[in-house]
Amino acid sequence: MTSIDLAPFDQAWDRFESWLAARSPADHAALRPPATSAELAELERRLGFALHPELRRLLERHNGVVEPEWNRGSEQGVFPAGNILPLGHRLASTAEIASRHEILVDVAEDNDEADLWDEEDVAGHLGLCVPFALPNDGGVAFVDHRPGPTYGHVYEMGIGSGDLEGTLWGVSLTEFVGAVTDALETGSPFLYYWPVTFEHASGRTCVEWDVRS
């Protein structure tokens, strides 16, 4: 495993989680307990390579988020606590990461057969990209695990829409989490995603991200 100083990530995540605890307690409560050593080992077995240290640390802190609360039999609808990242992404569990990675591997194999991308392109090595957060539209946010200058970069890709170019969200999880927290603390955008408050019919609130061009 690559040796990386994880103190900056811990500091960035502490700041992010502190904001959630103080300003959006429903989102903070949606964070699941840490992944176990066995769950992390099983994930790496299914991936076939070691997790980037920052992604491993994220999972050591929280193994994803709970499912959205669905108020069946009422008009209140879904309470989407846990959609804490831009585009409504929710942190994925080790099991969700493994299953979504299998989809990326299949897409990568299709790309190889069609010879559409070079290996240097993100879409050219999707099998070395590990999802860490998922929205509701078939997209994915992932950490690039390809050795080289993009190792550890964070991208968002709209798999469901066929967008395979990928959008860089940060050169590291540390940078990405710090930028998202900056947006939350100041009310400024992350790229063109603006943090706002979603007010549920139950009276509870959580974070939502508006798209503004």
N, C-alpha and C. Protein backbone atom coordinates (compact mmCIF):
# COMPACT_ATOMS: atom_id res chain seq x y z
N MET A 1 0.84 -1.19 0.00
CA MET A 1 0.00 0.00 0.00
C MET A 1 0.88 1.25 0.00
N THR A 2 0.50 2.24 -0.79
CA THR A 2 1.24 3.48 -0.84
C THR A 2 1.18 4.19 0.51
N SER A 3 2.33 4.74 0.95
CA SER A 3 2.40 5.45 2.21
C SER A 3 2.00 6.91 2.00
N ILE A 4 0.93 7.32 2.64
CA ILE A 4 0.42 8.68 2.52
C ILE A 4 0.09 9.20 3.91
N ASP A 5 0.48 10.43 4.20
CA ASP A 5 0.14 11.06 5.47
C ASP A 5 -1.37 11.32 5.51
N LEU A 6 -2.05 10.65 6.42
CA LEU A 6 -3.51 10.75 6.48
C LEU A 6 -4.00 11.84 7.42
N ALA A 7 -3.08 12.53 8.10
CA ALA A 7 -3.50 13.61 9.00
C ALA A 7 -4.30 14.69 8.28
N PRO A 8 -3.88 15.14 7.08
CA PRO A 8 -4.67 16.16 6.38
C PRO A 8 -6.09 15.69 6.05
N PHE A 9 -6.21 14.39 5.67
CA PHE A 9 -7.56 13.88 5.40
C PHE A 9 -8.40 13.88 6.66
N ASP A 10 -7.82 13.40 7.76
CA ASP A 10 -8.56 13.37 9.02
C ASP A 10 -9.01 14.77 9.42
N GLN A 11 -8.15 15.75 9.23
CA GLN A 11 -8.51 17.13 9.58
C GLN A 11 -9.63 17.64 8.69
N ALA A 12 -9.55 17.33 7.38
CA ALA A 12 -10.60 17.77 6.45
C ALA A 12 -11.93 17.10 6.79
N TRP A 13 -11.87 15.79 7.07
CA TRP A 13 -13.11 15.09 7.37
C TRP A 13 -13.69 15.53 8.72
N ASP A 14 -12.86 15.77 9.69
CA ASP A 14 -13.34 16.26 10.98
C ASP A 14 -14.11 17.57 10.80
N ARG A 15 -13.57 18.46 9.97
CA ARG A 15 -14.23 19.74 9.73
C ARG A 15 -15.57 19.54 9.04
N PHE A 16 -15.60 18.65 8.06
CA PHE A 16 -16.84 18.35 7.34
C PHE A 16 -17.88 17.75 8.28
N GLU A 17 -17.46 16.77 9.06
CA GLU A 17 -18.40 16.10 9.95
C GLU A 17 -18.86 17.03 11.07
N SER A 18 -17.98 17.91 11.53
CA SER A 18 -18.38 18.87 12.56
C SER A 18 -19.45 19.81 12.04
N TRP A 19 -19.32 20.21 10.76
CA TRP A 19 -20.35 21.08 10.17
C TRP A 19 -21.68 20.33 10.12
N LEU A 20 -21.66 19.09 9.70
CA LEU A 20 -22.90 18.31 9.64
C LEU A 20 -23.54 18.19 11.02
N ALA A 21 -22.72 17.86 12.02
CA ALA A 21 -23.25 17.67 13.37
C ALA A 21 -23.91 18.94 13.89
N ALA A 22 -23.33 20.10 13.56
CA ALA A 22 -23.86 21.36 14.09
C ALA A 22 -24.99 21.92 13.25
N ARG A 23 -24.93 21.75 11.93
CA ARG A 23 -25.86 22.43 11.04
C ARG A 23 -26.86 21.52 10.35
N SER A 24 -26.56 20.24 10.27
CA SER A 24 -27.46 19.30 9.60
C SER A 24 -27.43 17.95 10.33
N PRO A 25 -27.98 17.92 11.56
CA PRO A 25 -27.87 16.72 12.38
C PRO A 25 -28.51 15.48 11.76
N ALA A 26 -29.54 15.66 10.93
CA ALA A 26 -30.15 14.48 10.29
C ALA A 26 -29.17 13.83 9.33
N ASP A 27 -28.40 14.64 8.61
CA ASP A 27 -27.38 14.08 7.72
C ASP A 27 -26.28 13.42 8.53
N HIS A 28 -25.88 14.06 9.61
CA HIS A 28 -24.83 13.48 10.45
C HIS A 28 -25.27 12.14 11.02
N ALA A 29 -26.54 12.04 11.41
CA ALA A 29 -27.05 10.79 11.98
C ALA A 29 -27.13 9.68 10.94
N ALA A 30 -27.15 10.05 9.65
CA ALA A 30 -27.23 9.04 8.59
C ALA A 30 -25.91 8.33 8.35
N LEU A 31 -24.80 8.86 8.86
CA LEU A 31 -23.50 8.22 8.68
C LEU A 31 -23.46 6.90 9.44
N ARG A 32 -23.04 5.85 8.76
CA ARG A 32 -22.99 4.53 9.38
C ARG A 32 -21.70 4.34 10.19
N PRO A 33 -21.66 3.34 11.07
CA PRO A 33 -20.44 3.05 11.82
C PRO A 33 -19.30 2.65 10.89
N PRO A 34 -18.09 2.55 11.43
CA PRO A 34 -16.93 2.19 10.60
C PRO A 34 -17.05 0.80 9.99
N ALA A 35 -16.40 0.62 8.83
CA ALA A 35 -16.26 -0.71 8.25
C ALA A 35 -15.32 -1.53 9.13
N THR A 36 -15.57 -2.81 9.21
CA THR A 36 -14.70 -3.69 9.98
C THR A 36 -13.49 -4.10 9.14
N SER A 37 -12.49 -4.64 9.80
CA SER A 37 -11.31 -5.14 9.10
C SER A 37 -11.69 -6.23 8.10
N ALA A 38 -12.64 -7.07 8.50
CA ALA A 38 -13.08 -8.15 7.61
C ALA A 38 -13.78 -7.57 6.37
N GLU A 39 -14.60 -6.54 6.56
CA GLU A 39 -15.29 -5.93 5.42
C GLU A 39 -14.30 -5.27 4.47
N LEU A 40 -13.28 -4.62 5.02
CA LEU A 40 -12.27 -3.98 4.18
C LEU A 40 -11.45 -5.03 3.43
N ALA A 41 -11.11 -6.11 4.10
CA ALA A 41 -10.35 -7.18 3.45
C ALA A 41 -11.15 -7.82 2.33
N GLU A 42 -12.43 -8.04 2.56
CA GLU A 42 -13.29 -8.62 1.53
C GLU A 42 -13.43 -7.68 0.34
N LEU A 43 -13.54 -6.39 0.60
CA LEU A 43 -13.61 -5.42 -0.50
C LEU A 43 -12.35 -5.47 -1.34
N GLU A 44 -11.19 -5.46 -0.70
CA GLU A 44 -9.94 -5.49 -1.47
C GLU A 44 -9.79 -6.81 -2.23
N ARG A 45 -10.30 -7.89 -1.66
CA ARG A 45 -10.26 -9.18 -2.37
C ARG A 45 -11.09 -9.09 -3.65
N ARG A 46 -12.27 -8.49 -3.55
CA ARG A 46 -13.13 -8.38 -4.73
C ARG A 46 -12.59 -7.39 -5.75
N LEU A 47 -11.94 -6.33 -5.28
CA LEU A 47 -11.34 -5.37 -6.20
C LEU A 47 -10.14 -5.97 -6.92
N GLY A 48 -9.35 -6.73 -6.19
CA GLY A 48 -8.14 -7.29 -6.74
C GLY A 48 -6.92 -6.41 -6.55
N PHE A 49 -7.05 -5.36 -5.77
CA PHE A 49 -5.93 -4.47 -5.45
C PHE A 49 -6.25 -3.71 -4.17
N ALA A 50 -5.22 -3.07 -3.61
CA ALA A 50 -5.38 -2.37 -2.33
C ALA A 50 -6.11 -1.05 -2.51
N LEU A 51 -6.88 -0.69 -1.52
CA LEU A 51 -7.56 0.60 -1.51
C LEU A 51 -6.56 1.74 -1.36
N HIS A 52 -6.85 2.86 -2.01
CA HIS A 52 -6.07 4.07 -1.75
C HIS A 52 -6.19 4.39 -0.25
N PRO A 53 -5.09 4.78 0.40
CA PRO A 53 -5.14 5.02 1.84
C PRO A 53 -6.22 5.99 2.29
N GLU A 54 -6.49 7.04 1.52
CA GLU A 54 -7.53 7.99 1.93
C GLU A 54 -8.91 7.35 1.87
N LEU A 55 -9.16 6.54 0.85
CA LEU A 55 -10.46 5.88 0.76
C LEU A 55 -10.60 4.85 1.88
N ARG A 56 -9.53 4.13 2.16
CA ARG A 56 -9.57 3.19 3.29
C ARG A 56 -9.89 3.94 4.58
N ARG A 57 -9.26 5.09 4.80
CA ARG A 57 -9.52 5.84 6.02
C ARG A 57 -10.96 6.32 6.08
N LEU A 58 -11.51 6.74 4.95
CA LEU A 58 -12.92 7.14 4.93
C LEU A 58 -13.81 5.99 5.38
N LEU A 59 -13.55 4.79 4.85
CA LEU A 59 -14.36 3.64 5.23
C LEU A 59 -14.11 3.21 6.67
N GLU A 60 -12.91 3.46 7.17
CA GLU A 60 -12.62 3.17 8.57
C GLU A 60 -13.38 4.11 9.49
N ARG A 61 -13.81 5.23 8.95
CA ARG A 61 -14.59 6.17 9.75
C ARG A 61 -16.09 5.92 9.58
N HIS A 62 -16.52 5.68 8.35
CA HIS A 62 -17.95 5.43 8.11
C HIS A 62 -18.11 4.51 6.91
N ASN A 63 -18.81 3.43 7.13
CA ASN A 63 -19.08 2.46 6.06
C ASN A 63 -20.35 2.87 5.32
N GLY A 64 -20.28 4.02 4.65
CA GLY A 64 -21.44 4.52 3.91
C GLY A 64 -22.44 5.23 4.80
N VAL A 65 -23.65 5.39 4.27
CA VAL A 65 -24.74 6.02 5.00
C VAL A 65 -25.96 5.10 4.97
N VAL A 66 -26.91 5.35 5.85
CA VAL A 66 -28.13 4.55 5.89
C VAL A 66 -28.99 4.88 4.67
N GLU A 67 -29.92 4.00 4.39
CA GLU A 67 -30.84 4.24 3.27
C GLU A 67 -31.76 5.42 3.58
N PRO A 68 -32.21 6.15 2.54
CA PRO A 68 -33.14 7.25 2.78
C PRO A 68 -34.42 6.75 3.46
N GLU A 69 -34.95 7.57 4.32
CA GLU A 69 -36.17 7.20 5.05
C GLU A 69 -37.38 7.41 4.15
N TRP A 70 -38.17 6.36 3.99
CA TRP A 70 -39.36 6.43 3.15
C TRP A 70 -40.59 6.34 4.03
N ASN A 71 -41.39 7.38 4.00
CA ASN A 71 -42.60 7.42 4.83
C ASN A 71 -43.76 6.78 4.06
N ARG A 72 -43.85 5.49 4.14
CA ARG A 72 -44.89 4.76 3.41
C ARG A 72 -46.28 5.07 3.99
N GLY A 73 -47.22 5.20 3.09
CA GLY A 73 -48.59 5.44 3.51
C GLY A 73 -48.86 6.87 3.90
N SER A 74 -47.92 7.77 3.61
CA SER A 74 -48.15 9.18 3.93
C SER A 74 -47.81 10.02 2.71
N GLU A 75 -48.08 11.30 2.80
CA GLU A 75 -47.79 12.21 1.70
C GLU A 75 -46.45 12.91 1.89
N GLN A 76 -45.68 12.48 2.89
CA GLN A 76 -44.43 13.16 3.18
C GLN A 76 -43.30 12.74 2.25
N GLY A 77 -43.42 11.55 1.65
CA GLY A 77 -42.40 11.12 0.71
C GLY A 77 -41.07 10.81 1.37
N VAL A 78 -40.03 10.78 0.55
CA VAL A 78 -38.70 10.40 1.01
C VAL A 78 -38.04 11.55 1.77
N PHE A 79 -37.41 11.22 2.88
CA PHE A 79 -36.57 12.18 3.59
C PHE A 79 -35.13 11.81 3.25
N PRO A 80 -34.47 12.58 2.36
CA PRO A 80 -33.20 12.14 1.78
C PRO A 80 -31.97 12.47 2.62
N ALA A 81 -32.05 12.32 3.92
CA ALA A 81 -30.86 12.55 4.75
C ALA A 81 -29.75 11.60 4.31
N GLY A 82 -28.55 12.12 4.21
CA GLY A 82 -27.42 11.32 3.76
C GLY A 82 -26.95 11.66 2.36
N ASN A 83 -27.75 12.47 1.63
CA ASN A 83 -27.32 12.92 0.29
C ASN A 83 -26.39 14.12 0.46
N ILE A 84 -25.26 13.90 1.09
CA ILE A 84 -24.45 15.00 1.63
C ILE A 84 -23.46 15.58 0.63
N LEU A 85 -23.26 14.93 -0.50
CA LEU A 85 -22.27 15.39 -1.46
C LEU A 85 -22.94 15.94 -2.71
N PRO A 86 -22.25 16.76 -3.49
CA PRO A 86 -22.85 17.35 -4.69
C PRO A 86 -23.51 16.30 -5.59
N LEU A 87 -24.57 16.74 -6.30
CA LEU A 87 -25.39 15.88 -7.13
C LEU A 87 -26.13 14.82 -6.34
N GLY A 88 -26.29 15.06 -5.04
CA GLY A 88 -27.03 14.12 -4.21
C GLY A 88 -26.31 12.81 -3.96
N HIS A 89 -24.99 12.79 -4.10
CA HIS A 89 -24.24 11.55 -3.86
C HIS A 89 -24.29 11.17 -2.38
N ARG A 90 -24.40 9.85 -2.17
CA ARG A 90 -24.41 9.27 -0.84
C ARG A 90 -23.18 8.38 -0.70
N LEU A 91 -22.52 8.44 0.44
CA LEU A 91 -21.37 7.59 0.66
C LEU A 91 -21.77 6.12 0.53
N ALA A 92 -20.98 5.35 -0.17
CA ALA A 92 -21.27 3.94 -0.41
C ALA A 92 -20.63 3.06 0.65
N SER A 93 -21.25 1.93 0.92
CA SER A 93 -20.69 0.93 1.83
C SER A 93 -19.70 0.06 1.08
N THR A 94 -18.96 -0.76 1.81
CA THR A 94 -18.01 -1.65 1.16
C THR A 94 -18.71 -2.59 0.18
N ALA A 95 -19.89 -3.09 0.55
CA ALA A 95 -20.64 -3.98 -0.34
C ALA A 95 -21.09 -3.24 -1.59
N GLU A 96 -21.57 -2.01 -1.42
CA GLU A 96 -22.00 -1.22 -2.58
C GLU A 96 -20.82 -0.87 -3.49
N ILE A 97 -19.68 -0.56 -2.88
CA ILE A 97 -18.49 -0.26 -3.66
C ILE A 97 -18.10 -1.45 -4.52
N ALA A 98 -18.10 -2.63 -3.94
CA ALA A 98 -17.70 -3.83 -4.68
C ALA A 98 -18.65 -4.10 -5.84
N SER A 99 -19.94 -3.99 -5.61
CA SER A 99 -20.91 -4.29 -6.68
C SER A 99 -20.86 -3.23 -7.77
N ARG A 100 -20.71 -1.97 -7.41
CA ARG A 100 -20.64 -0.93 -8.43
C ARG A 100 -19.32 -1.01 -9.20
N HIS A 101 -18.25 -1.42 -8.54
CA HIS A 101 -16.98 -1.59 -9.24
C HIS A 101 -17.09 -2.67 -10.32
N GLU A 102 -17.85 -3.71 -10.05
CA GLU A 102 -18.06 -4.75 -11.06
C GLU A 102 -18.70 -4.17 -12.31
N ILE A 103 -19.61 -3.21 -12.13
CA ILE A 103 -20.23 -2.55 -13.28
C ILE A 103 -19.19 -1.76 -14.06
N LEU A 104 -18.32 -1.05 -13.34
CA LEU A 104 -17.27 -0.29 -14.01
C LEU A 104 -16.34 -1.21 -14.79
N VAL A 105 -16.04 -2.37 -14.24
CA VAL A 105 -15.19 -3.34 -14.94
C VAL A 105 -15.85 -3.77 -16.24
N ASP A 106 -17.16 -4.03 -16.18
CA ASP A 106 -17.89 -4.42 -17.40
C ASP A 106 -17.85 -3.30 -18.44
N VAL A 107 -18.05 -2.06 -17.99
CA VAL A 107 -17.99 -0.92 -18.91
C VAL A 107 -16.59 -0.81 -19.51
N ALA A 108 -15.57 -1.01 -18.68
CA ALA A 108 -14.19 -0.94 -19.16
C ALA A 108 -13.93 -1.98 -20.23
N GLU A 109 -14.44 -3.19 -20.02
CA GLU A 109 -14.24 -4.25 -21.01
C GLU A 109 -14.93 -3.90 -22.32
N ASP A 110 -16.12 -3.33 -22.25
CA ASP A 110 -16.82 -2.90 -23.46
C ASP A 110 -16.02 -1.82 -24.18
N ASN A 111 -15.45 -0.90 -23.42
CA ASN A 111 -14.64 0.17 -24.02
C ASN A 111 -13.39 -0.40 -24.70
N ASP A 112 -12.79 -1.40 -24.06
CA ASP A 112 -11.60 -2.02 -24.65
C ASP A 112 -11.93 -2.66 -25.99
N GLU A 113 -13.07 -3.34 -26.04
CA GLU A 113 -13.47 -4.00 -27.28
C GLU A 113 -13.75 -2.99 -28.38
N ALA A 114 -14.34 -1.85 -28.01
CA ALA A 114 -14.66 -0.82 -28.99
C ALA A 114 -13.47 0.06 -29.33
N ASP A 115 -12.42 -0.03 -28.51
CA ASP A 115 -11.20 0.76 -28.72
C ASP A 115 -11.53 2.25 -28.81
N LEU A 116 -12.32 2.74 -27.83
CA LEU A 116 -12.77 4.14 -27.85
C LEU A 116 -11.84 5.06 -27.08
N TRP A 117 -11.11 4.52 -26.10
CA TRP A 117 -10.34 5.38 -25.21
C TRP A 117 -8.92 4.86 -25.05
N ASP A 118 -7.99 5.78 -24.81
CA ASP A 118 -6.64 5.40 -24.43
C ASP A 118 -6.61 5.08 -22.94
N GLU A 119 -5.63 4.31 -22.52
CA GLU A 119 -5.54 3.95 -21.11
C GLU A 119 -5.34 5.17 -20.22
N GLU A 120 -4.73 6.23 -20.76
CA GLU A 120 -4.51 7.45 -19.98
C GLU A 120 -5.82 8.17 -19.68
N ASP A 121 -6.84 7.96 -20.52
CA ASP A 121 -8.15 8.56 -20.27
C ASP A 121 -8.81 7.84 -19.10
N VAL A 122 -9.61 8.59 -18.35
CA VAL A 122 -10.31 7.97 -17.21
C VAL A 122 -11.16 6.79 -17.69
N ALA A 123 -11.87 6.99 -18.79
CA ALA A 123 -12.72 5.92 -19.31
C ALA A 123 -11.92 4.74 -19.84
N GLY A 124 -10.61 4.94 -20.02
CA GLY A 124 -9.78 3.86 -20.52
C GLY A 124 -9.25 2.93 -19.45
N HIS A 125 -9.49 3.27 -18.18
CA HIS A 125 -9.05 2.37 -17.09
C HIS A 125 -10.06 2.36 -15.95
N LEU A 126 -11.33 2.24 -16.31
CA LEU A 126 -12.39 2.25 -15.30
C LEU A 126 -12.27 1.09 -14.31
N GLY A 127 -11.64 0.01 -14.73
CA GLY A 127 -11.46 -1.12 -13.82
C GLY A 127 -10.56 -0.79 -12.65
N LEU A 128 -9.80 0.31 -12.75
CA LEU A 128 -8.94 0.75 -11.65
C LEU A 128 -9.53 1.95 -10.93
N CYS A 129 -10.80 2.21 -11.15
CA CYS A 129 -11.50 3.31 -10.48
C CYS A 129 -12.46 2.72 -9.45
N VAL A 130 -12.39 3.22 -8.23
CA VAL A 130 -13.17 2.64 -7.13
C VAL A 130 -14.23 3.62 -6.66
N PRO A 131 -15.52 3.29 -6.83
CA PRO A 131 -16.60 4.18 -6.39
C PRO A 131 -16.56 4.38 -4.88
N PHE A 132 -16.93 5.59 -4.45
CA PHE A 132 -17.07 5.83 -3.01
C PHE A 132 -18.39 6.52 -2.68
N ALA A 133 -19.09 7.03 -3.70
CA ALA A 133 -20.37 7.70 -3.46
C ALA A 133 -21.25 7.54 -4.70
N LEU A 134 -22.55 7.40 -4.47
CA LEU A 134 -23.49 7.12 -5.54
C LEU A 134 -24.69 8.05 -5.45
N PRO A 135 -25.15 8.60 -6.60
CA PRO A 135 -26.39 9.38 -6.62
C PRO A 135 -27.56 8.47 -6.97
N ASN A 136 -28.67 9.06 -7.38
CA ASN A 136 -29.85 8.27 -7.71
C ASN A 136 -30.03 8.08 -9.21
N ASP A 137 -29.10 8.60 -10.03
CA ASP A 137 -29.32 8.62 -11.47
C ASP A 137 -28.39 7.70 -12.26
N GLY A 138 -27.73 6.77 -11.58
CA GLY A 138 -26.84 5.88 -12.30
C GLY A 138 -25.43 6.39 -12.44
N GLY A 139 -25.13 7.55 -11.88
CA GLY A 139 -23.77 8.07 -11.93
C GLY A 139 -22.91 7.47 -10.84
N VAL A 140 -21.72 8.03 -10.69
CA VAL A 140 -20.81 7.51 -9.67
C VAL A 140 -19.71 8.53 -9.42
N ALA A 141 -19.27 8.61 -8.17
CA ALA A 141 -18.07 9.37 -7.82
C ALA A 141 -17.03 8.35 -7.38
N PHE A 142 -15.81 8.46 -7.89
CA PHE A 142 -14.83 7.42 -7.62
C PHE A 142 -13.43 7.99 -7.44
N VAL A 143 -12.57 7.14 -6.88
CA VAL A 143 -11.17 7.46 -6.69
C VAL A 143 -10.35 6.66 -7.70
N ASP A 144 -9.53 7.34 -8.47
CA ASP A 144 -8.69 6.70 -9.47
C ASP A 144 -7.55 5.94 -8.77
N HIS A 145 -7.45 4.65 -9.04
CA HIS A 145 -6.39 3.83 -8.44
C HIS A 145 -5.32 3.44 -9.45
N ARG A 146 -5.34 4.03 -10.63
CA ARG A 146 -4.30 3.70 -11.61
C ARG A 146 -2.98 4.32 -11.17
N PRO A 147 -1.93 3.52 -11.08
CA PRO A 147 -0.63 4.09 -10.70
C PRO A 147 -0.20 5.18 -11.66
N GLY A 148 0.35 6.25 -11.11
CA GLY A 148 0.77 7.35 -11.96
C GLY A 148 0.26 8.68 -11.44
N PRO A 149 0.28 9.70 -12.29
CA PRO A 149 -0.05 11.05 -11.83
C PRO A 149 -1.50 11.26 -11.41
N THR A 150 -2.41 10.39 -11.83
CA THR A 150 -3.82 10.56 -11.45
C THR A 150 -4.21 9.68 -10.26
N TYR A 151 -3.26 8.96 -9.68
CA TYR A 151 -3.56 8.10 -8.54
C TYR A 151 -4.13 8.95 -7.39
N GLY A 152 -5.33 8.57 -6.93
CA GLY A 152 -5.97 9.29 -5.84
C GLY A 152 -6.88 10.41 -6.28
N HIS A 153 -6.92 10.73 -7.58
CA HIS A 153 -7.81 11.79 -8.05
C HIS A 153 -9.27 11.36 -7.89
N VAL A 154 -10.12 12.33 -7.62
CA VAL A 154 -11.55 12.09 -7.44
C VAL A 154 -12.29 12.60 -8.66
N TYR A 155 -13.12 11.74 -9.26
CA TYR A 155 -13.90 12.08 -10.44
C TYR A 155 -15.37 11.77 -10.21
N GLU A 156 -16.20 12.49 -10.95
CA GLU A 156 -17.63 12.15 -11.05
C GLU A 156 -17.90 11.82 -12.50
N MET A 157 -18.72 10.77 -12.69
CA MET A 157 -19.02 10.33 -14.04
C MET A 157 -20.48 9.93 -14.12
N GLY A 158 -21.17 10.39 -15.16
CA GLY A 158 -22.58 10.07 -15.34
C GLY A 158 -22.78 8.81 -16.14
N ILE A 159 -22.54 7.66 -15.52
CA ILE A 159 -22.66 6.39 -16.23
C ILE A 159 -24.05 6.24 -16.85
N GLY A 160 -25.08 6.61 -16.10
CA GLY A 160 -26.44 6.45 -16.59
C GLY A 160 -26.73 7.28 -17.82
N SER A 161 -26.11 8.44 -17.93
CA SER A 161 -26.34 9.33 -19.07
C SER A 161 -25.38 9.06 -20.22
N GLY A 162 -24.44 8.14 -20.01
CA GLY A 162 -23.46 7.86 -21.05
C GLY A 162 -22.28 8.80 -21.05
N ASP A 163 -22.16 9.65 -20.04
CA ASP A 163 -21.04 10.58 -19.92
C ASP A 163 -19.85 9.84 -19.34
N LEU A 164 -18.91 9.47 -20.19
CA LEU A 164 -17.75 8.72 -19.73
C LEU A 164 -16.48 9.56 -19.73
N GLU A 165 -16.59 10.85 -19.97
CA GLU A 165 -15.40 11.69 -19.95
C GLU A 165 -14.87 11.86 -18.52
N GLY A 166 -15.79 12.00 -17.58
CA GLY A 166 -15.41 12.20 -16.19
C GLY A 166 -15.09 13.65 -15.89
N THR A 167 -15.55 14.13 -14.73
CA THR A 167 -15.29 15.49 -14.27
C THR A 167 -14.43 15.42 -13.02
N LEU A 168 -13.29 16.11 -13.04
CA LEU A 168 -12.39 16.09 -11.89
C LEU A 168 -13.01 16.88 -10.75
N TRP A 169 -13.16 16.23 -9.60
CA TRP A 169 -13.70 16.87 -8.41
C TRP A 169 -12.61 17.22 -7.41
N GLY A 170 -11.42 16.67 -7.58
CA GLY A 170 -10.32 16.97 -6.67
C GLY A 170 -9.14 16.08 -6.98
N VAL A 171 -7.94 16.55 -6.71
CA VAL A 171 -6.75 15.73 -6.94
C VAL A 171 -6.56 14.72 -5.82
N SER A 172 -7.38 14.81 -4.79
CA SER A 172 -7.35 13.85 -3.69
C SER A 172 -8.68 13.93 -2.96
N LEU A 173 -8.97 12.91 -2.16
CA LEU A 173 -10.16 12.98 -1.31
C LEU A 173 -10.04 14.11 -0.30
N THR A 174 -8.82 14.36 0.17
CA THR A 174 -8.61 15.45 1.11
C THR A 174 -9.01 16.78 0.50
N GLU A 175 -8.54 17.04 -0.72
CA GLU A 175 -8.89 18.29 -1.39
C GLU A 175 -10.38 18.38 -1.64
N PHE A 176 -10.99 17.28 -2.09
CA PHE A 176 -12.42 17.27 -2.39
C PHE A 176 -13.25 17.55 -1.14
N VAL A 177 -12.96 16.84 -0.05
CA VAL A 177 -13.72 17.05 1.19
C VAL A 177 -13.54 18.48 1.70
N GLY A 178 -12.32 19.00 1.60
CA GLY A 178 -12.07 20.38 2.03
C GLY A 178 -12.86 21.38 1.20
N ALA A 179 -12.92 21.17 -0.12
CA ALA A 179 -13.66 22.09 -0.99
C ALA A 179 -15.16 22.04 -0.72
N VAL A 180 -15.69 20.84 -0.48
CA VAL A 180 -17.11 20.70 -0.17
C VAL A 180 -17.43 21.40 1.16
N THR A 181 -16.55 21.24 2.14
CA THR A 181 -16.76 21.89 3.43
C THR A 181 -16.68 23.40 3.30
N ASP A 182 -15.76 23.89 2.49
CA ASP A 182 -15.68 25.34 2.24
C ASP A 182 -17.01 25.85 1.70
N ALA A 183 -17.60 25.10 0.77
CA ALA A 183 -18.88 25.51 0.18
C ALA A 183 -19.98 25.52 1.24
N LEU A 184 -20.02 24.50 2.08
CA LEU A 184 -21.03 24.42 3.12
C LEU A 184 -20.88 25.56 4.13
N GLU A 185 -19.65 25.85 4.51
CA GLU A 185 -19.41 26.87 5.54
C GLU A 185 -19.69 28.28 5.04
N THR A 186 -19.46 28.53 3.76
CA THR A 186 -19.57 29.89 3.22
C THR A 186 -20.82 30.10 2.38
N GLY A 187 -21.51 29.00 2.00
CA GLY A 187 -22.65 29.14 1.11
C GLY A 187 -22.25 29.39 -0.33
N SER A 188 -20.97 29.20 -0.63
CA SER A 188 -20.47 29.39 -2.00
C SER A 188 -20.55 28.07 -2.75
N PRO A 189 -20.40 28.08 -4.08
CA PRO A 189 -20.55 26.83 -4.83
C PRO A 189 -19.32 25.95 -4.80
N PHE A 190 -19.54 24.67 -4.95
CA PHE A 190 -18.50 23.72 -5.33
C PHE A 190 -18.74 23.45 -6.80
N LEU A 191 -17.79 23.89 -7.65
CA LEU A 191 -18.02 23.91 -9.09
C LEU A 191 -19.32 24.68 -9.35
N TYR A 192 -20.34 24.06 -9.93
CA TYR A 192 -21.62 24.76 -10.09
C TYR A 192 -22.72 24.10 -9.27
N TYR A 193 -22.36 23.57 -8.12
CA TYR A 193 -23.32 22.99 -7.18
C TYR A 193 -23.35 23.85 -5.93
N TRP A 194 -24.53 24.34 -5.60
CA TRP A 194 -24.69 25.27 -4.47
C TRP A 194 -25.39 24.55 -3.32
N PRO A 195 -24.82 24.61 -2.10
CA PRO A 195 -25.47 23.97 -0.95
C PRO A 195 -26.66 24.79 -0.46
N VAL A 196 -27.78 24.11 -0.31
CA VAL A 196 -28.99 24.75 0.22
C VAL A 196 -29.60 23.80 1.25
N THR A 197 -30.67 24.21 1.86
CA THR A 197 -31.35 23.38 2.86
C THR A 197 -32.63 22.80 2.28
N PHE A 198 -32.76 21.49 2.36
CA PHE A 198 -33.99 20.82 1.96
C PHE A 198 -34.90 20.72 3.17
N GLU A 199 -36.10 21.26 3.06
CA GLU A 199 -37.07 21.22 4.16
C GLU A 199 -38.12 20.16 3.87
N HIS A 200 -38.12 19.10 4.68
CA HIS A 200 -39.04 17.99 4.51
C HIS A 200 -40.39 18.33 5.12
N ALA A 201 -41.42 17.64 4.63
CA ALA A 201 -42.77 17.89 5.15
C ALA A 201 -42.89 17.58 6.63
N SER A 202 -41.99 16.75 7.13
CA SER A 202 -42.01 16.40 8.56
C SER A 202 -41.47 17.51 9.44
N GLY A 203 -40.88 18.55 8.81
CA GLY A 203 -40.28 19.64 9.56
C GLY A 203 -38.78 19.50 9.74
N ARG A 204 -38.23 18.35 9.37
CA ARG A 204 -36.79 18.15 9.46
C ARG A 204 -36.10 18.70 8.21
N THR A 205 -34.81 18.92 8.34
CA THR A 205 -34.04 19.47 7.23
C THR A 205 -32.78 18.65 6.98
N CYS A 206 -32.25 18.79 5.78
CA CYS A 206 -30.98 18.18 5.44
C CYS A 206 -30.35 18.96 4.28
N VAL A 207 -29.14 18.61 3.95
CA VAL A 207 -28.41 19.31 2.89
C VAL A 207 -28.93 18.89 1.52
N GLU A 208 -29.01 19.85 0.62
CA GLU A 208 -29.32 19.58 -0.78
C GLU A 208 -28.40 20.46 -1.61
N TRP A 209 -28.11 20.01 -2.84
CA TRP A 209 -27.21 20.76 -3.72
C TRP A 209 -27.95 21.17 -4.97
N ASP A 210 -28.09 22.50 -5.17
CA ASP A 210 -28.70 23.03 -6.39
C ASP A 210 -27.68 23.09 -7.51
N VAL A 211 -28.13 22.81 -8.72
CA VAL A 211 -27.26 22.97 -9.89
C VAL A 211 -27.56 24.31 -10.52
N ARG A 212 -26.54 25.14 -10.61
CA ARG A 212 -26.69 26.46 -11.24
C ARG A 212 -25.56 26.65 -12.22
N SER A 213 -25.91 27.01 -13.44
CA SER A 213 -24.89 27.20 -14.47
C SER A 213 -24.28 28.60 -14.36
